Amino acid sequence: METKKTNKEILVKGLKIMGTSLGAMFLGPLLLHIAFSNQEKPLYIPILIVAIIICALAIYLAFKGLNTILDSMFKK
């Protein structure tokens, strides 16, 4: 009988994705705060758009990283 083992390569890949997500989780709100505190500046709209994209990317990467980590543990 074969026991299930964690696939270490896929686990490391998932942890790298989660690390990138963590960076985006800090960068996105920071840029949002910078954009909202400088509404009279000409770069308000571009910084706001970039911040929203980074926040959405953080959420996507968190789900993708968690799914990859779970795949490394429970799939063959």
C-alpha atoms as a PDB file:
ATOM      1  CA  MET A   1       0.000   0.000   0.000  1.00  0.00           C
ATOM      2  CA  GLU A   2       1.383   3.364  -1.060  1.00  0.00           C
ATOM      3  CA  THR A   3       1.185   6.329   1.300  1.00  0.00           C
ATOM      4  CA  LYS A   4       0.486   9.808   0.012  1.00  0.00           C
ATOM      5  CA  LYS A   5       3.378  12.239   0.266  1.00  0.00           C
ATOM      6  CA  THR A   6       3.637  15.958  -0.253  1.00  0.00           C
ATOM      7  CA  ASN A   7       5.078  16.927  -3.618  1.00  0.00           C
ATOM      8  CA  LYS A   8       7.876  19.260  -2.506  1.00  0.00           C
ATOM      9  CA  GLU A   9       8.374  21.011  -5.884  1.00  0.00           C
ATOM     10  CA  ILE A  10       4.717  22.014  -6.112  1.00  0.00           C
ATOM     11  CA  LEU A  11       4.738  23.066  -2.446  1.00  0.00           C
ATOM     12  CA  VAL A  12       7.712  25.390  -3.013  1.00  0.00           C
ATOM     13  CA  LYS A  13       5.984  26.840  -6.074  1.00  0.00           C
ATOM     14  CA  GLY A  14       2.855  27.523  -4.001  1.00  0.00           C
ATOM     15  CA  LEU A  15       4.889  29.165  -1.242  1.00  0.00           C
ATOM     16  CA  LYS A  16       6.583  31.444  -3.793  1.00  0.00           C
ATOM     17  CA  ILE A  17       3.167  32.480  -5.108  1.00  0.00           C
ATOM     18  CA  MET A  18       2.000  33.180  -1.546  1.00  0.00           C
ATOM     19  CA  GLY A  19       5.117  35.294  -0.923  1.00  0.00           C
ATOM     20  CA  THR A  20       4.372  37.358  -4.006  1.00  0.00           C
ATOM     21  CA  SER A  21       0.791  37.718  -2.812  1.00  0.00           C
ATOM     22  CA  LEU A  22       2.020  38.951   0.569  1.00  0.00           C
ATOM     23  CA  GLY A  23       4.107  41.636  -1.119  1.00  0.00           C
ATOM     24  CA  ALA A  24       1.130  42.735  -3.201  1.00  0.00           C
ATOM     25  CA  MET A  25      -1.053  42.786  -0.072  1.00  0.00           C
ATOM     26  CA  PHE A  26       1.196  45.470   1.404  1.00  0.00           C
ATOM     27  CA  LEU A  27       1.936  47.398  -1.802  1.00  0.00           C
ATOM     28  CA  GLY A  28      -1.682  47.736  -2.991  1.00  0.00           C
ATOM     29  CA  PRO A  29      -3.146  49.419   0.112  1.00  0.00           C
ATOM     30  CA  LEU A  30      -0.023  51.562   0.444  1.00  0.00           C
ATOM     31  CA  LEU A  31      -0.515  52.896  -3.079  1.00  0.00           C
ATOM     32  CA  LEU A  32      -4.241  53.400  -2.398  1.00  0.00           C
ATOM     33  CA  HIS A  33      -3.399  55.496   0.645  1.00  0.00           C
ATOM     34  CA  ILE A  34      -0.875  57.530  -1.348  1.00  0.00           C
ATOM     35  CA  ALA A  35      -3.398  58.088  -4.139  1.00  0.00           C
ATOM     36  CA  PHE A  36      -6.214  59.167  -1.809  1.00  0.00           C
ATOM     37  CA  SER A  37      -3.966  61.509   0.167  1.00  0.00           C
ATOM     38  CA  ASN A  38      -2.867  63.331  -3.027  1.00  0.00           C
ATOM     39  CA  GLN A  39      -6.134  63.813  -4.906  1.00  0.00           C
ATOM     40  CA  GLU A  40      -5.154  67.221  -6.278  1.00  0.00           C
ATOM     41  CA  LYS A  41      -1.998  65.916  -8.005  1.00  0.00           C
ATOM     42  CA  PRO A  42      -2.006  65.035 -11.730  1.00  0.00           C
ATOM     43  CA  LEU A  43      -0.897  61.426 -11.090  1.00  0.00           C
ATOM     44  CA  TYR A  44      -3.921  60.674  -8.884  1.00  0.00           C
ATOM     45  CA  ILE A  45      -5.827  58.594 -11.458  1.00  0.00           C
ATOM     46  CA  PRO A  46      -2.874  56.496 -12.743  1.00  0.00           C
ATOM     47  CA  ILE A  47      -1.700  55.667  -9.205  1.00  0.00           C
ATOM     48  CA  LEU A  48      -5.270  54.788  -8.201  1.00  0.00           C
ATOM     49  CA  ILE A  49      -5.671  52.447 -11.188  1.00  0.00           C
ATOM     50  CA  VAL A  50      -2.330  50.732 -10.495  1.00  0.00           C
ATOM     51  CA  ALA A  51      -3.245  50.342  -6.801  1.00  0.00           C
ATOM     52  CA  ILE A  52      -6.600  48.726  -7.608  1.00  0.00           C
ATOM     53  CA  ILE A  53      -4.938  46.340 -10.066  1.00  0.00           C
ATOM     54  CA  ILE A  54      -2.315  45.352  -7.467  1.00  0.00           C
ATOM     55  CA  CYS A  55      -5.026  44.757  -4.838  1.00  0.00           C
ATOM     56  CA  ALA A  56      -6.944  42.516  -7.241  1.00  0.00           C
ATOM     57  CA  LEU A  57      -3.703  40.719  -8.135  1.00  0.00           C
ATOM     58  CA  ALA A  58      -3.022  40.077  -4.429  1.00  0.00           C
ATOM     59  CA  ILE A  59      -6.410  38.397  -4.004  1.00  0.00           C
ATOM     60  CA  TYR A  60      -5.933  36.292  -7.143  1.00  0.00           C
ATOM     61  CA  LEU A  61      -2.418  35.217  -6.135  1.00  0.00           C
ATOM     62  CA  ALA A  62      -3.574  34.294  -2.621  1.00  0.00           C
ATOM     63  CA  PHE A  63      -6.230  31.939  -4.001  1.00  0.00           C
ATOM     64  CA  LYS A  64      -3.873  30.512  -6.615  1.00  0.00           C
ATOM     65  CA  GLY A  65      -1.084  29.970  -4.058  1.00  0.00           C
ATOM     66  CA  LEU A  66      -3.396  28.311  -1.557  1.00  0.00           C
ATOM     67  CA  ASN A  67      -4.808  26.065  -4.282  1.00  0.00           C
ATOM     68  CA  THR A  68      -1.290  25.090  -5.373  1.00  0.00           C
ATOM     69  CA  ILE A  69      -0.265  24.257  -1.801  1.00  0.00           C
ATOM     70  CA  LEU A  70      -3.364  22.120  -1.312  1.00  0.00           C
ATOM     71  CA  ASP A  71      -2.716  20.363  -4.629  1.00  0.00           C
ATOM     72  CA  SER A  72       0.790  19.481  -3.486  1.00  0.00           C
ATOM     73  CA  MET A  73      -0.602  17.817  -0.363  1.00  0.00           C
ATOM     74  CA  PHE A  74      -3.748  16.060  -1.556  1.00  0.00           C
ATOM     75  CA  LYS A  75      -3.329  15.272  -5.281  1.00  0.00           C
ATOM     76  CA  LYS A  76      -1.270  12.417  -6.663  1.00  0.00           C
END
